[in-house]
């Protein structure tokens, strides 16, 4: 099941060029993912009594073009895979004409707060709403850079896939 939400880019979500900032894009992503978990009954408040919480482990973001101030966009999200230690949540951000501007694939783990370990998502939270389409073809291989090495805007290179090169300024 795909879940959709409309957004309009607000002035305080923009960078100095008037384009949606990366932190604001990640906020959109978090907002729609949280709304989708409400529909699936797998929100953090529902998981905490069981000693569980969600943690994002990796993200791959492919940007064709950033939306700009006042642009109306629609974001879709869905669970593309949900087995073993990872739940894969993908996203697509489309402009008003339906053109996909941004594709995101994210890998999430279900963390047992009491035992301090990652648990198998399909055993703890069986889901029948997996939509096996991928926004990006990413198998989330181990990152090729040194963990903790800052690339830009406080994002560590562990957030990017193999061979990632930061954009030139």
N, C-alpha and C. Protein backbone atom coordinates (compact mmCIF):
# COMPACT_ATOMS: atom_id res chain seq x y z
N UNK A 1 0.84 -1.18 0.00
CA UNK A 1 0.00 0.00 0.00
C UNK A 1 0.89 1.25 0.00
N UNK A 2 0.67 2.10 -0.99
CA UNK A 2 1.36 3.39 -1.01
C UNK A 2 0.52 4.40 -0.25
N UNK A 3 1.21 5.30 0.42
CA UNK A 3 0.57 6.34 1.22
C UNK A 3 1.03 7.68 0.65
N UNK A 4 0.11 8.62 0.45
CA UNK A 4 0.41 9.89 -0.20
C UNK A 4 0.05 11.07 0.70
N UNK A 5 0.86 12.13 0.61
CA UNK A 5 0.57 13.38 1.32
C UNK A 5 0.99 14.56 0.46
N UNK A 6 0.16 15.60 0.40
CA UNK A 6 0.56 16.83 -0.31
C UNK A 6 1.36 17.75 0.62
N UNK A 7 2.25 18.50 0.04
CA UNK A 7 3.02 19.51 0.77
C UNK A 7 3.13 20.74 -0.13
N UNK A 8 3.28 21.91 0.49
CA UNK A 8 3.63 23.12 -0.25
C UNK A 8 4.88 23.67 0.41
N UNK A 9 5.90 23.93 -0.38
CA UNK A 9 7.19 24.38 0.14
C UNK A 9 7.03 25.78 0.72
N UNK A 10 7.31 25.89 2.02
CA UNK A 10 7.19 27.15 2.73
C UNK A 10 8.53 27.88 2.78
N UNK A 11 8.50 29.16 2.98
CA UNK A 11 9.70 29.99 2.91
C UNK A 11 10.76 29.53 3.92
N UNK A 12 10.37 29.15 5.10
CA UNK A 12 11.34 28.76 6.12
C UNK A 12 11.90 27.36 5.89
N UNK A 13 11.41 26.66 4.86
CA UNK A 13 11.93 25.35 4.50
C UNK A 13 12.97 25.43 3.37
N UNK A 14 13.24 26.66 2.95
CA UNK A 14 14.12 26.86 1.79
C UNK A 14 15.53 27.26 2.19
N UNK A 15 16.45 26.97 1.28
CA UNK A 15 17.83 27.42 1.43
C UNK A 15 17.93 28.84 0.85
N UNK A 16 19.10 29.46 0.89
CA UNK A 16 19.22 30.84 0.38
C UNK A 16 18.88 31.00 -1.10
N UNK A 17 18.90 29.92 -1.89
CA UNK A 17 18.54 29.99 -3.30
C UNK A 17 17.03 29.89 -3.52
N UNK A 18 16.28 29.62 -2.46
CA UNK A 18 14.84 29.48 -2.59
C UNK A 18 14.38 28.06 -2.87
N UNK A 19 15.30 27.11 -2.78
CA UNK A 19 14.97 25.70 -3.01
C UNK A 19 14.77 25.00 -1.66
N UNK A 20 13.97 23.93 -1.68
CA UNK A 20 13.76 23.15 -0.47
C UNK A 20 15.11 22.70 0.07
N UNK A 21 15.35 22.92 1.36
CA UNK A 21 16.63 22.52 1.95
C UNK A 21 16.62 21.02 2.25
N UNK A 22 17.81 20.44 2.34
CA UNK A 22 17.91 19.02 2.64
C UNK A 22 17.31 18.69 4.01
N UNK A 23 17.57 19.48 5.08
CA UNK A 23 16.90 19.19 6.35
C UNK A 23 15.37 19.21 6.24
N UNK A 24 14.82 20.14 5.45
CA UNK A 24 13.37 20.19 5.29
C UNK A 24 12.86 18.98 4.52
N UNK A 25 13.61 18.53 3.52
CA UNK A 25 13.24 17.31 2.80
C UNK A 25 13.19 16.13 3.76
N UNK A 26 14.17 16.02 4.63
CA UNK A 26 14.19 14.92 5.60
C UNK A 26 13.04 15.05 6.60
N UNK A 27 12.65 16.29 6.93
CA UNK A 27 11.48 16.48 7.80
C UNK A 27 10.21 16.01 7.09
N UNK A 28 10.06 16.33 5.80
CA UNK A 28 8.91 15.84 5.04
C UNK A 28 8.88 14.31 5.09
N UNK A 29 10.04 13.72 4.87
CA UNK A 29 10.14 12.27 4.86
C UNK A 29 9.70 11.68 6.20
N UNK A 30 10.16 12.29 7.28
CA UNK A 30 9.80 11.80 8.61
C UNK A 30 8.31 12.00 8.87
N UNK A 31 7.77 13.12 8.42
CA UNK A 31 6.34 13.40 8.66
C UNK A 31 5.45 12.39 7.94
N UNK A 32 5.72 12.11 6.68
CA UNK A 32 4.87 11.17 5.95
C UNK A 32 5.07 9.74 6.45
N UNK A 33 6.30 9.39 6.82
CA UNK A 33 6.54 8.04 7.36
C UNK A 33 5.75 7.86 8.67
N UNK A 34 5.77 8.88 9.52
CA UNK A 34 5.02 8.80 10.78
C UNK A 34 3.52 8.67 10.53
N UNK A 35 3.00 9.44 9.57
CA UNK A 35 1.58 9.36 9.26
C UNK A 35 1.22 7.97 8.71
N UNK A 36 2.12 7.40 7.92
CA UNK A 36 1.87 6.07 7.37
C UNK A 36 1.87 5.01 8.48
N UNK A 37 2.77 5.16 9.46
CA UNK A 37 2.80 4.18 10.55
C UNK A 37 1.51 4.21 11.37
N UNK A 38 0.83 5.36 11.41
CA UNK A 38 -0.47 5.44 12.10
C UNK A 38 -1.46 4.51 11.40
N UNK A 39 -1.50 4.57 10.07
CA UNK A 39 -2.41 3.70 9.31
C UNK A 39 -2.08 2.23 9.50
N UNK A 40 -0.78 1.92 9.67
CA UNK A 40 -0.34 0.53 9.81
C UNK A 40 -0.34 0.04 11.27
N UNK A 41 -0.61 0.95 12.20
CA UNK A 41 -0.61 0.63 13.65
C UNK A 41 0.77 0.15 14.12
N UNK A 42 1.81 0.85 13.63
CA UNK A 42 3.18 0.52 14.05
C UNK A 42 3.93 1.79 14.45
N UNK A 43 3.21 2.71 15.11
CA UNK A 43 3.83 3.95 15.55
C UNK A 43 4.76 3.69 16.73
N UNK A 44 5.66 4.62 16.97
CA UNK A 44 6.55 4.48 18.13
C UNK A 44 5.75 4.43 19.43
N UNK A 45 4.73 5.30 19.64
CA UNK A 45 3.95 5.16 20.88
C UNK A 45 3.29 3.79 21.04
N UNK A 46 2.94 3.13 19.94
CA UNK A 46 2.36 1.79 20.01
C UNK A 46 3.43 0.73 20.30
N UNK A 47 4.66 1.00 19.87
CA UNK A 47 5.75 0.03 20.05
C UNK A 47 6.44 0.14 21.41
N UNK A 48 6.50 1.35 21.97
CA UNK A 48 7.23 1.55 23.22
C UNK A 48 6.76 0.66 24.38
N UNK A 49 5.45 0.42 24.57
CA UNK A 49 5.04 -0.48 25.65
C UNK A 49 5.61 -1.90 25.49
N UNK A 50 5.94 -2.26 24.26
CA UNK A 50 6.56 -3.56 24.00
C UNK A 50 8.08 -3.50 24.08
N UNK A 51 8.62 -2.30 24.40
CA UNK A 51 10.06 -2.14 24.49
C UNK A 51 10.74 -2.00 23.15
N UNK A 52 10.00 -1.57 22.12
CA UNK A 52 10.55 -1.48 20.76
C UNK A 52 10.47 -0.05 20.24
N UNK A 53 11.37 0.28 19.32
CA UNK A 53 11.32 1.56 18.62
C UNK A 53 11.95 1.41 17.24
N UNK A 54 11.60 2.31 16.35
CA UNK A 54 12.19 2.34 15.02
C UNK A 54 13.45 3.18 15.03
N UNK A 55 14.43 2.77 14.25
CA UNK A 55 15.65 3.55 14.05
C UNK A 55 16.02 3.46 12.56
N UNK A 56 16.28 4.63 11.96
CA UNK A 56 16.71 4.61 10.56
C UNK A 56 18.19 4.21 10.55
N UNK A 57 18.53 3.28 9.67
CA UNK A 57 19.92 2.85 9.62
C UNK A 57 20.66 3.44 8.43
N UNK A 58 20.00 3.58 7.30
CA UNK A 58 20.66 4.15 6.12
C UNK A 58 19.62 4.78 5.21
N UNK A 59 20.10 5.75 4.41
CA UNK A 59 19.24 6.40 3.43
C UNK A 59 20.03 6.61 2.15
N UNK A 60 19.34 6.51 1.06
CA UNK A 60 19.92 6.83 -0.25
C UNK A 60 18.95 7.81 -0.89
N UNK A 61 19.46 8.99 -1.22
CA UNK A 61 18.62 10.04 -1.77
C UNK A 61 19.13 10.40 -3.16
N UNK A 62 18.25 10.34 -4.14
CA UNK A 62 18.58 10.73 -5.51
C UNK A 62 17.71 11.92 -5.89
N UNK A 63 18.36 13.05 -6.17
CA UNK A 63 17.64 14.30 -6.43
C UNK A 63 17.84 14.70 -7.89
N UNK A 64 16.72 14.74 -8.59
CA UNK A 64 16.72 15.23 -9.97
C UNK A 64 16.70 16.76 -9.95
N UNK A 65 15.82 17.30 -9.11
CA UNK A 65 15.68 18.74 -8.95
C UNK A 65 15.00 19.01 -7.61
N UNK A 66 15.46 20.03 -6.93
CA UNK A 66 14.81 20.43 -5.68
C UNK A 66 13.57 21.26 -6.00
N UNK A 67 12.45 21.01 -5.30
CA UNK A 67 11.31 21.93 -5.46
C UNK A 67 11.68 23.28 -4.84
N UNK A 68 10.95 24.30 -5.27
CA UNK A 68 11.26 25.66 -4.82
C UNK A 68 10.10 26.24 -4.03
N UNK A 69 10.37 27.40 -3.44
CA UNK A 69 9.39 28.11 -2.63
C UNK A 69 8.03 28.18 -3.33
N UNK A 70 6.99 27.80 -2.62
CA UNK A 70 5.60 27.83 -3.04
C UNK A 70 5.21 26.67 -3.96
N UNK A 71 6.16 25.83 -4.37
CA UNK A 71 5.81 24.68 -5.20
C UNK A 71 4.90 23.74 -4.42
N UNK A 72 3.91 23.22 -5.10
CA UNK A 72 3.06 22.19 -4.52
C UNK A 72 3.62 20.84 -4.97
N UNK A 73 3.87 19.98 -4.00
CA UNK A 73 4.43 18.66 -4.28
C UNK A 73 3.60 17.59 -3.58
N UNK A 74 3.79 16.37 -4.02
CA UNK A 74 3.15 15.23 -3.38
C UNK A 74 4.24 14.21 -3.08
N UNK A 75 4.18 13.65 -1.89
CA UNK A 75 5.14 12.61 -1.53
C UNK A 75 4.38 11.32 -1.30
N UNK A 76 4.94 10.25 -1.84
CA UNK A 76 4.42 8.90 -1.61
C UNK A 76 5.45 8.14 -0.81
N UNK A 77 4.97 7.26 0.05
CA UNK A 77 5.87 6.36 0.76
C UNK A 77 5.22 4.99 0.83
N UNK A 78 6.07 3.97 0.97
CA UNK A 78 5.58 2.61 1.07
C UNK A 78 6.68 1.74 1.65
N UNK A 79 6.27 0.62 2.21
CA UNK A 79 7.24 -0.36 2.70
C UNK A 79 7.51 -1.32 1.54
N UNK A 80 8.74 -1.28 1.05
CA UNK A 80 9.12 -2.06 -0.13
C UNK A 80 9.60 -3.47 0.23
N UNK A 81 10.06 -3.63 1.45
CA UNK A 81 10.52 -4.95 1.92
C UNK A 81 10.45 -4.92 3.44
N UNK A 82 10.20 -6.06 4.03
CA UNK A 82 10.02 -6.11 5.49
C UNK A 82 10.33 -7.53 5.95
N UNK A 83 11.62 -7.81 6.11
CA UNK A 83 12.01 -9.15 6.54
C UNK A 83 13.41 -9.09 7.12
N UNK A 84 13.68 -10.09 7.96
CA UNK A 84 14.99 -10.13 8.60
C UNK A 84 15.18 -8.94 9.52
N UNK A 85 16.34 -8.34 9.46
CA UNK A 85 16.65 -7.22 10.36
C UNK A 85 16.23 -5.85 9.81
N UNK A 86 15.75 -5.80 8.57
CA UNK A 86 15.48 -4.50 7.96
C UNK A 86 14.08 -4.39 7.39
N UNK A 87 13.54 -3.18 7.53
CA UNK A 87 12.32 -2.79 6.84
C UNK A 87 12.75 -1.68 5.89
N UNK A 88 12.47 -1.87 4.61
CA UNK A 88 12.87 -0.88 3.61
C UNK A 88 11.66 0.00 3.30
N UNK A 89 11.83 1.29 3.55
CA UNK A 89 10.77 2.28 3.28
C UNK A 89 11.27 3.19 2.18
N UNK A 90 10.50 3.28 1.11
CA UNK A 90 10.87 4.12 -0.01
C UNK A 90 9.93 5.31 -0.13
N UNK A 91 10.40 6.34 -0.84
CA UNK A 91 9.67 7.59 -1.00
C UNK A 91 9.85 8.10 -2.43
N UNK A 92 8.86 8.81 -2.92
CA UNK A 92 8.97 9.54 -4.18
C UNK A 92 8.30 10.89 -4.00
N UNK A 93 9.01 11.96 -4.35
CA UNK A 93 8.46 13.31 -4.30
C UNK A 93 8.21 13.76 -5.73
N UNK A 94 6.95 14.13 -6.01
CA UNK A 94 6.54 14.54 -7.35
C UNK A 94 6.11 16.00 -7.35
N UNK A 95 6.36 16.66 -8.48
CA UNK A 95 5.87 18.04 -8.62
C UNK A 95 4.39 18.01 -9.00
N UNK A 96 3.81 19.18 -9.21
CA UNK A 96 2.36 19.27 -9.49
C UNK A 96 1.96 18.56 -10.79
N UNK A 97 2.91 18.40 -11.71
CA UNK A 97 2.61 17.71 -12.97
C UNK A 97 2.78 16.20 -12.88
N UNK A 98 3.25 15.71 -11.74
CA UNK A 98 3.45 14.28 -11.55
C UNK A 98 4.85 13.80 -11.87
N UNK A 99 5.77 14.71 -12.19
CA UNK A 99 7.15 14.33 -12.47
C UNK A 99 7.87 14.06 -11.15
N UNK A 100 8.56 12.90 -11.07
CA UNK A 100 9.30 12.55 -9.86
C UNK A 100 10.59 13.38 -9.82
N UNK A 101 10.73 14.19 -8.76
CA UNK A 101 11.90 15.03 -8.58
C UNK A 101 12.93 14.39 -7.66
N UNK A 102 12.44 13.65 -6.67
CA UNK A 102 13.33 13.06 -5.65
C UNK A 102 12.87 11.65 -5.35
N UNK A 103 13.83 10.74 -5.30
CA UNK A 103 13.58 9.34 -4.90
C UNK A 103 14.44 9.05 -3.69
N UNK A 104 13.84 8.38 -2.72
CA UNK A 104 14.56 8.05 -1.49
C UNK A 104 14.29 6.60 -1.13
N UNK A 105 15.35 5.92 -0.76
CA UNK A 105 15.21 4.58 -0.20
C UNK A 105 15.84 4.62 1.18
N UNK A 106 15.15 4.09 2.16
CA UNK A 106 15.66 4.11 3.53
C UNK A 106 15.54 2.72 4.14
N UNK A 107 16.48 2.43 4.98
CA UNK A 107 16.54 1.14 5.67
C UNK A 107 16.32 1.39 7.16
N UNK A 108 15.36 0.69 7.74
CA UNK A 108 15.01 0.89 9.15
C UNK A 108 15.20 -0.41 9.91
N UNK A 109 15.57 -0.28 11.18
CA UNK A 109 15.66 -1.44 12.06
C UNK A 109 14.68 -1.26 13.20
N UNK A 110 14.25 -2.37 13.74
CA UNK A 110 13.39 -2.38 14.92
C UNK A 110 14.30 -2.71 16.10
N UNK A 111 14.40 -1.76 17.03
CA UNK A 111 15.35 -1.88 18.13
C UNK A 111 14.62 -2.23 19.43
N UNK A 112 15.11 -3.27 20.11
CA UNK A 112 14.58 -3.67 21.41
C UNK A 112 15.31 -2.87 22.48
N UNK A 113 14.61 -1.90 23.08
CA UNK A 113 15.19 -1.00 24.06
C UNK A 113 15.62 -1.75 25.32
N UNK A 114 14.86 -2.76 25.70
CA UNK A 114 15.16 -3.49 26.94
C UNK A 114 16.37 -4.40 26.79
N UNK A 115 16.47 -5.08 25.65
CA UNK A 115 17.58 -6.02 25.42
C UNK A 115 18.77 -5.37 24.72
N UNK A 116 18.59 -4.12 24.29
CA UNK A 116 19.64 -3.37 23.59
C UNK A 116 20.13 -4.11 22.34
N UNK A 117 19.17 -4.50 21.51
CA UNK A 117 19.56 -5.21 20.28
C UNK A 117 18.51 -4.99 19.19
N UNK A 118 18.94 -5.24 17.97
CA UNK A 118 18.06 -5.18 16.82
C UNK A 118 17.33 -6.52 16.72
N UNK A 119 16.03 -6.46 16.44
CA UNK A 119 15.23 -7.68 16.32
C UNK A 119 14.75 -7.84 14.89
N UNK A 120 14.31 -9.03 14.54
CA UNK A 120 13.79 -9.28 13.20
C UNK A 120 12.43 -8.62 13.05
N UNK A 121 12.31 -7.77 12.04
CA UNK A 121 11.09 -7.00 11.86
C UNK A 121 9.89 -7.89 11.52
N UNK A 122 10.10 -8.89 10.70
CA UNK A 122 8.97 -9.72 10.28
C UNK A 122 8.47 -10.64 11.39
N UNK A 123 9.32 -10.94 12.36
CA UNK A 123 8.87 -11.76 13.50
C UNK A 123 8.12 -10.91 14.52
N UNK A 124 8.63 -9.71 14.80
CA UNK A 124 8.00 -8.84 15.80
C UNK A 124 6.79 -8.08 15.26
N UNK A 125 6.83 -7.71 13.98
CA UNK A 125 5.76 -6.92 13.37
C UNK A 125 5.42 -7.47 11.99
N UNK A 126 4.73 -8.57 11.93
CA UNK A 126 4.35 -9.08 10.60
C UNK A 126 3.42 -8.08 9.91
N UNK A 127 3.71 -7.80 8.63
CA UNK A 127 2.89 -6.86 7.86
C UNK A 127 2.41 -7.52 6.59
N UNK A 128 1.18 -7.18 6.20
CA UNK A 128 0.67 -7.67 4.92
C UNK A 128 0.56 -6.54 3.91
N UNK A 129 1.17 -5.39 4.23
CA UNK A 129 1.04 -4.22 3.37
C UNK A 129 2.33 -3.87 2.63
N UNK A 130 3.19 -4.85 2.41
CA UNK A 130 4.43 -4.60 1.67
C UNK A 130 4.09 -4.40 0.20
N UNK A 131 4.67 -3.34 -0.38
CA UNK A 131 4.48 -3.02 -1.80
C UNK A 131 5.86 -3.15 -2.44
N UNK A 132 6.16 -4.26 -3.11
CA UNK A 132 7.54 -4.59 -3.50
C UNK A 132 8.08 -3.81 -4.71
N UNK A 133 7.85 -2.52 -4.72
CA UNK A 133 8.41 -1.65 -5.75
C UNK A 133 9.50 -0.82 -5.09
N UNK A 134 10.60 -0.57 -5.79
CA UNK A 134 11.69 0.22 -5.21
C UNK A 134 11.77 1.58 -5.88
N UNK A 135 11.95 2.62 -5.06
CA UNK A 135 12.17 3.97 -5.58
C UNK A 135 13.56 4.05 -6.20
N UNK A 136 14.50 3.36 -5.59
CA UNK A 136 15.89 3.29 -6.06
C UNK A 136 16.34 1.85 -5.97
N UNK A 137 17.15 1.43 -6.91
CA UNK A 137 17.71 0.09 -6.85
C UNK A 137 18.94 0.14 -5.94
N UNK A 138 18.74 -0.08 -4.66
CA UNK A 138 19.82 0.01 -3.67
C UNK A 138 19.73 -1.16 -2.72
N UNK A 139 20.77 -1.94 -2.68
CA UNK A 139 20.81 -3.11 -1.79
C UNK A 139 21.44 -2.74 -0.43
N UNK A 140 21.80 -1.46 -0.26
CA UNK A 140 22.39 -0.96 0.99
C UNK A 140 23.64 -1.75 1.39
N UNK A 141 24.62 -1.80 0.48
CA UNK A 141 25.90 -2.40 0.81
C UNK A 141 26.60 -1.54 1.83
N UNK A 142 27.64 -2.07 2.45
CA UNK A 142 28.39 -1.31 3.45
C UNK A 142 28.97 -0.04 2.82
N UNK A 143 28.91 1.08 3.53
CA UNK A 143 29.45 2.32 2.97
C UNK A 143 30.95 2.21 2.74
N UNK A 144 31.45 2.93 1.73
CA UNK A 144 32.85 2.83 1.37
C UNK A 144 33.70 3.91 2.01
N UNK A 145 33.13 4.71 2.89
CA UNK A 145 33.91 5.77 3.50
C UNK A 145 34.03 5.53 5.00
N UNK A 146 34.87 6.32 5.63
CA UNK A 146 35.09 6.19 7.06
C UNK A 146 33.91 6.74 7.83
N UNK A 147 33.39 5.97 8.76
CA UNK A 147 32.24 6.42 9.55
C UNK A 147 32.60 7.69 10.32
N UNK A 148 31.61 8.56 10.38
CA UNK A 148 31.79 9.78 11.14
C UNK A 148 32.44 10.90 10.35
N UNK A 149 32.92 10.63 9.14
CA UNK A 149 33.55 11.66 8.31
C UNK A 149 32.44 12.56 7.78
N UNK A 150 32.46 13.80 8.17
CA UNK A 150 31.39 14.72 7.79
C UNK A 150 31.53 15.12 6.32
N UNK A 151 30.42 15.04 5.60
CA UNK A 151 30.43 15.43 4.20
C UNK A 151 29.83 16.81 4.03
N UNK A 152 28.61 16.99 4.46
CA UNK A 152 27.96 18.28 4.33
C UNK A 152 26.77 18.35 5.28
N UNK A 153 26.46 19.53 5.74
CA UNK A 153 25.29 19.80 6.56
C UNK A 153 25.10 18.79 7.70
N UNK A 154 26.20 18.31 8.30
CA UNK A 154 26.09 17.43 9.44
C UNK A 154 25.72 16.00 9.10
N UNK A 155 25.70 15.64 7.83
CA UNK A 155 25.38 14.27 7.44
C UNK A 155 26.69 13.50 7.36
N UNK A 156 26.73 12.35 7.96
CA UNK A 156 27.94 11.56 7.88
C UNK A 156 27.91 10.69 6.64
N UNK A 157 29.08 10.31 6.18
CA UNK A 157 29.13 9.56 4.93
C UNK A 157 28.53 8.18 5.10
N UNK A 158 28.30 7.72 6.32
CA UNK A 158 27.62 6.44 6.51
C UNK A 158 26.18 6.53 6.03
N UNK A 159 25.69 7.75 5.79
CA UNK A 159 24.34 7.92 5.29
C UNK A 159 24.23 7.70 3.79
N UNK A 160 25.35 7.60 3.09
CA UNK A 160 25.35 7.49 1.64
C UNK A 160 25.88 6.13 1.21
N UNK A 161 25.53 5.73 0.02
CA UNK A 161 25.93 4.44 -0.53
C UNK A 161 27.35 4.41 -1.02
N UNK A 162 27.76 3.25 -1.54
CA UNK A 162 29.13 3.08 -2.01
C UNK A 162 29.47 4.06 -3.12
N UNK A 163 30.68 4.60 -3.05
CA UNK A 163 31.18 5.48 -4.10
C UNK A 163 30.60 6.88 -4.09
N UNK A 164 29.89 7.26 -3.01
CA UNK A 164 29.28 8.58 -2.96
C UNK A 164 30.36 9.65 -3.02
N UNK A 165 30.14 10.66 -3.83
CA UNK A 165 31.00 11.83 -3.91
C UNK A 165 30.14 13.05 -3.59
N UNK A 166 30.55 13.86 -2.59
CA UNK A 166 29.73 15.04 -2.29
C UNK A 166 29.74 16.01 -3.45
N UNK A 167 28.65 16.78 -3.61
CA UNK A 167 28.62 17.75 -4.71
C UNK A 167 29.67 18.83 -4.50
N UNK A 168 30.20 19.32 -5.59
CA UNK A 168 31.18 20.40 -5.51
C UNK A 168 30.46 21.70 -5.23
N UNK A 169 31.05 22.50 -4.38
CA UNK A 169 30.45 23.78 -4.00
C UNK A 169 30.75 24.84 -5.02
